[in-house]
PDB file of all heavy atoms in Angstrom:
ATOM      1  N   LEU A   1       0.893  -1.279  -0.037  1.00  0.00           N
ATOM      2  CA  LEU A   1      -0.146  -0.049   0.023  1.00  0.00           C
ATOM      3  C   LEU A   1       0.751   1.240   0.035  1.00  0.00           C
ATOM      4  O   LEU A   1       1.946   1.237   0.550  1.00  0.00           O
ATOM      5  CB  LEU A   1      -0.914   0.022   1.219  1.00  0.00           C
ATOM      6  CG  LEU A   1      -2.143  -0.884   1.191  1.00  0.00           C
ATOM      7  CD1 LEU A   1      -2.839  -0.855   2.557  1.00  0.00           C
ATOM      8  CD2 LEU A   1      -3.197  -0.461   0.107  1.00  0.00           C
ATOM      9  N   ASP A   2       0.382   2.277  -0.587  1.00  0.00           N
ATOM     10  CA  ASP A   2       1.130   3.528  -0.723  1.00  0.00           C
ATOM     11  C   ASP A   2       1.557   4.031   0.760  1.00  0.00           C
ATOM     12  O   ASP A   2       0.752   4.146   1.549  1.00  0.00           O
ATOM     13  CB  ASP A   2       0.173   4.574  -1.402  1.00  0.00           C
ATOM     14  CG  ASP A   2       0.829   5.899  -1.677  1.00  0.00           C
ATOM     15  OD1 ASP A   2       1.997   6.146  -1.135  1.00  0.00           O
ATOM     16  OD2 ASP A   2       0.278   6.885  -2.184  1.00  0.00           O
ATOM     17  N   ASP A   3       2.811   4.242   0.863  1.00  0.00           N
ATOM     18  CA  ASP A   3       3.316   4.795   2.214  1.00  0.00           C
ATOM     19  C   ASP A   3       2.723   6.114   2.494  1.00  0.00           C
ATOM     20  O   ASP A   3       2.765   6.435   3.783  1.00  0.00           O
ATOM     21  CB  ASP A   3       4.838   4.882   2.152  1.00  0.00           C
ATOM     22  CG  ASP A   3       5.565   3.455   2.027  1.00  0.00           C
ATOM     23  OD1 ASP A   3       4.919   2.538   2.414  1.00  0.00           O
ATOM     24  OD2 ASP A   3       6.621   3.414   1.602  1.00  0.00           O
ATOM     25  N   ALA A   4       2.275   6.881   1.571  1.00  0.00           N
ATOM     26  CA  ALA A   4       1.608   8.127   1.892  1.00  0.00           C
ATOM     27  C   ALA A   4       0.191   8.030   2.487  1.00  0.00           C
ATOM     28  O   ALA A   4      -0.336   8.987   2.977  1.00  0.00           O
ATOM     29  CB  ALA A   4       1.527   9.003   0.631  1.00  0.00           C
ATOM     30  N   MET A   5      -0.350   6.828   2.453  1.00  0.00           N
ATOM     31  CA  MET A   5      -1.669   6.582   2.983  1.00  0.00           C
ATOM     32  C   MET A   5      -1.681   6.755   4.435  1.00  0.00           C
ATOM     33  O   MET A   5      -0.736   6.184   5.142  1.00  0.00           O
ATOM     34  CB  MET A   5      -2.280   5.279   2.633  1.00  0.00           C
ATOM     35  CG  MET A   5      -3.543   4.955   3.061  1.00  0.00           C
ATOM     36  SD  MET A   5      -4.284   3.272   2.635  1.00  0.00           S
ATOM     37  CE  MET A   5      -4.598   3.671   0.862  1.00  0.00           C
ATOM     38  N   ARG A   6      -2.612   7.477   5.044  1.00  0.00           N
ATOM     39  CA  ARG A   6      -2.596   7.688   6.508  1.00  0.00           C
ATOM     40  C   ARG A   6      -2.709   6.272   7.178  1.00  0.00           C
ATOM     41  O   ARG A   6      -3.479   5.397   6.684  1.00  0.00           O
ATOM     42  CB  ARG A   6      -3.860   8.543   6.875  1.00  0.00           C
ATOM     43  CG  ARG A   6      -3.659  10.006   6.584  1.00  0.00           C
ATOM     44  CD  ARG A   6      -4.902  10.805   6.906  1.00  0.00           C
ATOM     45  NE  ARG A   6      -5.942  10.069   7.573  1.00  0.00           N
ATOM     46  CZ  ARG A   6      -7.075  10.625   7.847  1.00  0.00           C
ATOM     47  NH1 ARG A   6      -7.367  11.938   7.487  1.00  0.00           N
ATOM     48  NH2 ARG A   6      -8.176   9.982   8.305  1.00  0.00           N
ATOM     49  N   ILE A   7      -2.247   6.256   8.448  1.00  0.00           N
ATOM     50  CA  ILE A   7      -2.243   4.927   9.190  1.00  0.00           C
ATOM     51  C   ILE A   7      -3.628   4.481   9.400  1.00  0.00           C
ATOM     52  O   ILE A   7      -3.785   3.285   9.389  1.00  0.00           O
ATOM     53  CB  ILE A   7      -1.412   5.130  10.491  1.00  0.00           C
ATOM     54  CG1 ILE A   7      -1.099   3.772  10.966  1.00  0.00           C
ATOM     55  CG2 ILE A   7      -2.096   6.031  11.436  1.00  0.00           C
ATOM     56  CD1 ILE A   7       0.049   3.065  10.231  1.00  0.00           C
ATOM     57  N   ASP A   8      -4.574   5.328   9.703  1.00  0.00           N
ATOM     58  CA  ASP A   8      -5.932   4.874   9.939  1.00  0.00           C
ATOM     59  C   ASP A   8      -6.640   4.344   8.683  1.00  0.00           C
ATOM     60  O   ASP A   8      -7.360   3.448   8.758  1.00  0.00           O
ATOM     61  CB  ASP A   8      -6.805   5.928  10.634  1.00  0.00           C
ATOM     62  CG  ASP A   8      -6.854   7.203   9.777  1.00  0.00           C
ATOM     63  OD1 ASP A   8      -5.963   7.371   8.971  1.00  0.00           O
ATOM     64  OD2 ASP A   8      -7.796   8.089  10.000  1.00  0.00           O
ATOM     65  N   ASP A   9      -6.338   4.961   7.540  1.00  0.00           N
ATOM     66  CA  ASP A   9      -6.745   4.445   6.326  1.00  0.00           C
ATOM     67  C   ASP A   9      -6.159   3.105   5.942  1.00  0.00           C
ATOM     68  O   ASP A   9      -6.912   2.207   5.456  1.00  0.00           O
ATOM     69  CB  ASP A   9      -6.502   5.427   5.139  1.00  0.00           C
ATOM     70  CG  ASP A   9      -7.385   6.595   5.075  1.00  0.00           C
ATOM     71  OD1 ASP A   9      -8.626   6.486   5.543  1.00  0.00           O
ATOM     72  OD2 ASP A   9      -7.088   7.772   4.710  1.00  0.00           O
ATOM     73  N   ARG A  10      -4.885   2.907   6.199  1.00  0.00           N
ATOM     74  CA  ARG A  10      -4.244   1.599   5.874  1.00  0.00           C
ATOM     75  C   ARG A  10      -4.945   0.520   6.940  1.00  0.00           C
ATOM     76  O   ARG A  10      -5.188  -0.575   6.364  1.00  0.00           O
ATOM     77  CB  ARG A  10      -2.777   1.703   6.246  1.00  0.00           C
ATOM     78  CG  ARG A  10      -1.945   2.617   5.332  1.00  0.00           C
ATOM     79  CD  ARG A  10      -0.482   2.750   5.807  1.00  0.00           C
ATOM     80  NE  ARG A  10       0.216   1.400   5.634  1.00  0.00           N
ATOM     81  CZ  ARG A  10       0.880   1.168   4.651  1.00  0.00           C
ATOM     82  NH1 ARG A  10       1.006   1.946   3.524  1.00  0.00           N
ATOM     83  NH2 ARG A  10       1.559  -0.023   4.571  1.00  0.00           N
ATOM     84  N   ALA A  11      -5.231   0.892   8.089  1.00  0.00           N
ATOM     85  CA  ALA A  11      -5.809  -0.042   9.073  1.00  0.00           C
ATOM     86  C   ALA A  11      -7.250  -0.448   8.499  1.00  0.00           C
ATOM     87  O   ALA A  11      -7.769  -1.582   8.535  1.00  0.00           O
ATOM     88  CB  ALA A  11      -5.923   0.465  10.417  1.00  0.00           C
ATOM     89  N   LEU A  12      -8.119   0.599   8.143  1.00  0.00           N
ATOM     90  CA  LEU A  12      -9.389   0.287   7.517  1.00  0.00           C
ATOM     91  C   LEU A  12      -9.364  -0.562   6.370  1.00  0.00           C
ATOM     92  O   LEU A  12     -10.087  -1.493   6.164  1.00  0.00           O
ATOM     93  CB  LEU A  12     -10.150   1.601   7.331  1.00  0.00           C
ATOM     94  CG  LEU A  12     -11.507   1.421   6.739  1.00  0.00           C
ATOM     95  CD1 LEU A  12     -12.397   0.584   7.676  1.00  0.00           C
ATOM     96  CD2 LEU A  12     -12.190   2.819   6.523  1.00  0.00           C
ATOM     97  N   CYS A  13      -8.419  -0.244   5.411  1.00  0.00           N
ATOM     98  CA  CYS A  13      -8.269  -0.972   4.217  1.00  0.00           C
ATOM     99  C   CYS A  13      -7.977  -2.476   4.543  1.00  0.00           C
ATOM    100  O   CYS A  13      -8.547  -3.336   3.936  1.00  0.00           O
ATOM    101  CB  CYS A  13      -7.097  -0.431   3.295  1.00  0.00           C
ATOM    102  SG  CYS A  13      -6.776  -1.425   1.802  1.00  0.00           S
ATOM    103  N   GLN A  14      -7.029  -2.668   5.428  1.00  0.00           N
ATOM    104  CA  GLN A  14      -6.711  -4.111   5.754  1.00  0.00           C
ATOM    105  C   GLN A  14      -7.954  -4.855   6.358  1.00  0.00           C
ATOM    106  O   GLN A  14      -8.201  -5.966   6.086  1.00  0.00           O
ATOM    107  CB  GLN A  14      -5.495  -4.131   6.756  1.00  0.00           C
ATOM    108  CG  GLN A  14      -5.060  -5.505   7.251  1.00  0.00           C
ATOM    109  CD  GLN A  14      -3.892  -5.575   7.875  1.00  0.00           C
ATOM    110  OE1 GLN A  14      -2.899  -4.883   7.612  1.00  0.00           O
ATOM    111  NE2 GLN A  14      -3.746  -6.342   9.081  1.00  0.00           N
ATOM    112  N   GLU A  15      -8.699  -4.072   7.296  1.00  0.00           N
ATOM    113  CA  GLU A  15      -9.857  -4.683   7.928  1.00  0.00           C
ATOM    114  C   GLU A  15     -10.874  -5.112   6.884  1.00  0.00           C
ATOM    115  O   GLU A  15     -11.365  -6.124   6.867  1.00  0.00           O
ATOM    116  CB  GLU A  15     -10.386  -3.730   8.955  1.00  0.00           C
ATOM    117  CG  GLU A  15     -11.662  -4.060   9.560  1.00  0.00           C
ATOM    118  CD  GLU A  15     -11.661  -5.385  10.345  1.00  0.00           C
ATOM    119  OE1 GLU A  15     -10.638  -5.654  10.997  1.00  0.00           O
ATOM    120  OE2 GLU A  15     -12.548  -6.212  10.317  1.00  0.00           O
ATOM    121  N   LEU A  16     -11.079  -4.148   5.969  1.00  0.00           N
ATOM    122  CA  LEU A  16     -12.019  -4.405   4.792  1.00  0.00           C
ATOM    123  C   LEU A  16     -11.761  -5.606   3.950  1.00  0.00           C
ATOM    124  O   LEU A  16     -12.436  -6.489   3.698  1.00  0.00           O
ATOM    125  CB  LEU A  16     -12.272  -3.165   4.021  1.00  0.00           C
ATOM    126  CG  LEU A  16     -12.871  -1.940   4.659  1.00  0.00           C
ATOM    127  CD1 LEU A  16     -12.846  -0.785   3.782  1.00  0.00           C
ATOM    128  CD2 LEU A  16     -14.448  -2.387   5.115  1.00  0.00           C
ATOM    129  N   VAL A  17     -10.437  -5.667   3.599  1.00  0.00           N
ATOM    130  CA  VAL A  17      -9.983  -6.655   2.629  1.00  0.00           C
ATOM    131  C   VAL A  17     -10.043  -8.058   3.291  1.00  0.00           C
ATOM    132  O   VAL A  17     -10.673  -8.998   2.848  1.00  0.00           O
ATOM    133  CB  VAL A  17      -8.577  -6.473   2.192  1.00  0.00           C
ATOM    134  CG1 VAL A  17      -8.000  -7.557   1.376  1.00  0.00           C
ATOM    135  CG2 VAL A  17      -8.544  -5.245   1.248  1.00  0.00           C
ATOM    136  N   LEU A  18      -9.486  -8.138   4.520  1.00  0.00           N
ATOM    137  CA  LEU A  18      -9.311  -9.472   5.156  1.00  0.00           C
ATOM    138  C   LEU A  18     -10.712  -9.894   5.656  1.00  0.00           C
ATOM    139  O   LEU A  18     -11.110 -10.977   5.648  1.00  0.00           O
ATOM    140  CB  LEU A  18      -8.279  -9.397   6.312  1.00  0.00           C
ATOM    141  CG  LEU A  18      -6.909  -9.147   5.898  1.00  0.00           C
ATOM    142  CD1 LEU A  18      -5.981  -9.182   7.105  1.00  0.00           C
ATOM    143  CD2 LEU A  18      -6.472 -10.251   4.870  1.00  0.00           C
ATOM    144  N   GLY A  19     -11.487  -8.887   6.186  1.00  0.00           N
ATOM    145  CA  GLY A  19     -12.768  -9.208   6.653  1.00  0.00           C
ATOM    146  C   GLY A  19     -13.715  -9.736   5.595  1.00  0.00           C
ATOM    147  O   GLY A  19     -14.358 -10.690   5.725  1.00  0.00           O
ATOM    148  N   VAL A  20     -13.679  -9.099   4.378  1.00  0.00           N
ATOM    149  CA  VAL A  20     -14.622  -9.562   3.278  1.00  0.00           C
ATOM    150  C   VAL A  20     -14.138 -10.985   2.891  1.00  0.00           C
ATOM    151  O   VAL A  20     -14.964 -11.838   2.551  1.00  0.00           O
ATOM    152  CB  VAL A  20     -14.529  -8.505   2.156  1.00  0.00           C
ATOM    153  CG1 VAL A  20     -15.003  -9.100   0.881  1.00  0.00           C
ATOM    154  CG2 VAL A  20     -15.273  -7.352   2.485  1.00  0.00           C
ATOM    155  N   LEU A  21     -12.795 -11.221   2.733  1.00  0.00           N
ATOM    156  CA  LEU A  21     -12.324 -12.489   2.241  1.00  0.00           C
ATOM    157  C   LEU A  21     -12.651 -13.622   3.368  1.00  0.00           C
ATOM    158  O   LEU A  21     -12.938 -14.741   3.035  1.00  0.00           O
ATOM    159  CB  LEU A  21     -10.830 -12.410   2.026  1.00  0.00           C
ATOM    160  CG  LEU A  21     -10.393 -11.578   0.876  1.00  0.00           C
ATOM    161  CD1 LEU A  21      -8.974 -11.523   0.769  1.00  0.00           C
ATOM    162  CD2 LEU A  21     -10.957 -12.203  -0.450  1.00  0.00           C
ATOM    163  N   ARG A  22     -12.524 -13.279   4.624  1.00  0.00           N
ATOM    164  CA  ARG A  22     -12.858 -14.252   5.641  1.00  0.00           C
ATOM    165  C   ARG A  22     -14.375 -14.600   5.599  1.00  0.00           C
ATOM    166  O   ARG A  22     -14.736 -15.720   6.023  1.00  0.00           O
ATOM    167  CB  ARG A  22     -12.426 -13.645   7.041  1.00  0.00           C
ATOM    168  CG  ARG A  22     -10.894 -13.691   7.296  1.00  0.00           C
ATOM    169  CD  ARG A  22     -10.621 -12.845   8.461  1.00  0.00           C
ATOM    170  NE  ARG A  22      -9.197 -12.607   8.622  1.00  0.00           N
ATOM    171  CZ  ARG A  22      -8.550 -11.624   9.341  1.00  0.00           C
ATOM    172  NH1 ARG A  22      -9.367 -10.740   9.867  1.00  0.00           N
ATOM    173  NH2 ARG A  22      -7.295 -11.636   9.520  1.00  0.00           N
ATOM    174  N   ARG A  23     -15.205 -13.603   5.480  1.00  0.00           N
ATOM    175  CA  ARG A  23     -16.635 -13.761   5.509  1.00  0.00           C
ATOM    176  C   ARG A  23     -17.407 -13.974   4.195  1.00  0.00           C
ATOM    177  O   ARG A  23     -18.551 -13.844   4.179  1.00  0.00           O
ATOM    178  CB  ARG A  23     -17.264 -12.644   6.347  1.00  0.00           C
ATOM    179  CG  ARG A  23     -16.608 -12.421   7.646  1.00  0.00           C
ATOM    180  CD  ARG A  23     -17.124 -13.201   8.719  1.00  0.00           C
ATOM    181  NE  ARG A  23     -18.480 -12.934   9.122  1.00  0.00           N
ATOM    182  CZ  ARG A  23     -19.412 -13.686   9.893  1.00  0.00           C
ATOM    183  NH1 ARG A  23     -18.856 -14.827  10.301  1.00  0.00           N
ATOM    184  NH2 ARG A  23     -20.528 -13.241  10.099  1.00  0.00           N
ATOM    185  N   ARG A  24     -16.528 -14.296   3.178  1.00  0.00           N
ATOM    186  CA  ARG A  24     -17.154 -14.208   1.821  1.00  0.00           C
ATOM    187  C   ARG A  24     -18.403 -15.035   1.579  1.00  0.00           C
ATOM    188  O   ARG A  24     -19.449 -14.533   1.104  1.00  0.00           O
ATOM    189  CB  ARG A  24     -16.154 -14.717   0.794  1.00  0.00           C
ATOM    190  CG  ARG A  24     -16.438 -14.371  -0.507  1.00  0.00           C
ATOM    191  CD  ARG A  24     -15.440 -14.954  -1.615  1.00  0.00           C
ATOM    192  NE  ARG A  24     -15.735 -16.257  -1.985  1.00  0.00           N
ATOM    193  CZ  ARG A  24     -15.140 -16.974  -2.926  1.00  0.00           C
ATOM    194  NH1 ARG A  24     -13.974 -16.365  -3.428  1.00  0.00           N
ATOM    195  NH2 ARG A  24     -15.500 -18.161  -3.285  1.00  0.00           N
ATOM    196  N   LEU A  25     -18.499 -16.372   1.981  1.00  0.00           N
ATOM    197  CA  LEU A  25     -19.558 -17.063   1.759  1.00  0.00           C
ATOM    198  C   LEU A  25     -20.725 -16.571   2.573  1.00  0.00           C
ATOM    199  O   LEU A  25     -21.867 -16.546   1.942  1.00  0.00           O
ATOM    200  CB  LEU A  25     -19.318 -18.552   2.046  1.00  0.00           C
ATOM    201  CG  LEU A  25     -20.414 -19.569   1.944  1.00  0.00           C
ATOM    202  CD1 LEU A  25     -20.854 -19.577   0.511  1.00  0.00           C
ATOM    203  CD2 LEU A  25     -20.071 -20.914   2.463  1.00  0.00           C
ATOM    204  N   TRP A  26     -20.691 -16.249   3.721  1.00  0.00           N
ATOM    205  CA  TRP A  26     -21.763 -15.666   4.539  1.00  0.00           C
ATOM    206  C   TRP A  26     -22.287 -14.343   3.893  1.00  0.00           C
ATOM    207  O   TRP A  26     -23.592 -14.219   3.732  1.00  0.00           O
ATOM    208  CB  TRP A  26     -21.279 -15.427   5.979  1.00  0.00           C
ATOM    209  CG  TRP A  26     -22.411 -15.048   6.942  1.00  0.00           C
ATOM    210  CD1 TRP A  26     -23.101 -15.827   7.723  1.00  0.00           C
ATOM    211  CD2 TRP A  26     -22.875 -13.663   7.198  1.00  0.00           C
ATOM    212  NE1 TRP A  26     -24.020 -15.156   8.439  1.00  0.00           N
ATOM    213  CE2 TRP A  26     -23.934 -13.797   8.085  1.00  0.00           C
ATOM    214  CE3 TRP A  26     -22.454 -12.502   6.765  1.00  0.00           C
ATOM    215  CZ2 TRP A  26     -24.688 -12.721   8.627  1.00  0.00           C
ATOM    216  CZ3 TRP A  26     -23.121 -11.357   7.361  1.00  0.00           C
ATOM    217  CH2 TRP A  26     -24.188 -11.461   8.219  1.00  0.00           C
ATOM    218  N   LEU A  27     -21.527 -13.481   3.517  1.00  0.00           N
ATOM    219  CA  LEU A  27     -21.907 -12.228   2.815  1.00  0.00           C
ATOM    220  C   LEU A  27     -22.560 -12.597   1.632  1.00  0.00           C
ATOM    221  O   LEU A  27     -23.728 -11.949   1.274  1.00  0.00           O
ATOM    222  CB  LEU A  27     -20.590 -11.472   2.572  1.00  0.00           C
ATOM    223  CG  LEU A  27     -19.806 -10.810   3.753  1.00  0.00           C
ATOM    224  CD1 LEU A  27     -18.536 -10.204   3.264  1.00  0.00           C
ATOM    225  CD2 LEU A  27     -20.753  -9.839   4.489  1.00  0.00           C
ATOM    226  N   ASP A  28     -22.079 -13.501   0.781  1.00  0.00           N
ATOM    227  CA  ASP A  28     -22.807 -13.826  -0.473  1.00  0.00           C
ATOM    228  C   ASP A  28     -24.161 -14.418  -0.259  1.00  0.00           C
ATOM    229  O   ASP A  28     -25.118 -14.099  -1.080  1.00  0.00           O
ATOM    230  CB  ASP A  28     -22.006 -14.856  -1.266  1.00  0.00           C
ATOM    231  CG  ASP A  28     -20.718 -14.218  -1.855  1.00  0.00           C
ATOM    232  OD1 ASP A  28     -20.454 -12.970  -1.757  1.00  0.00           O
ATOM    233  OD2 ASP A  28     -19.838 -14.931  -2.468  1.00  0.00           O
TER     234      ASP A  28
END
């Protein structure tokens, strides 16, 4: 991820990506 991205944005991005992948079938 872009080093210029704010630390809170990086954290939210990681949470969204991993969360969606972990819960994919349930979400679908």
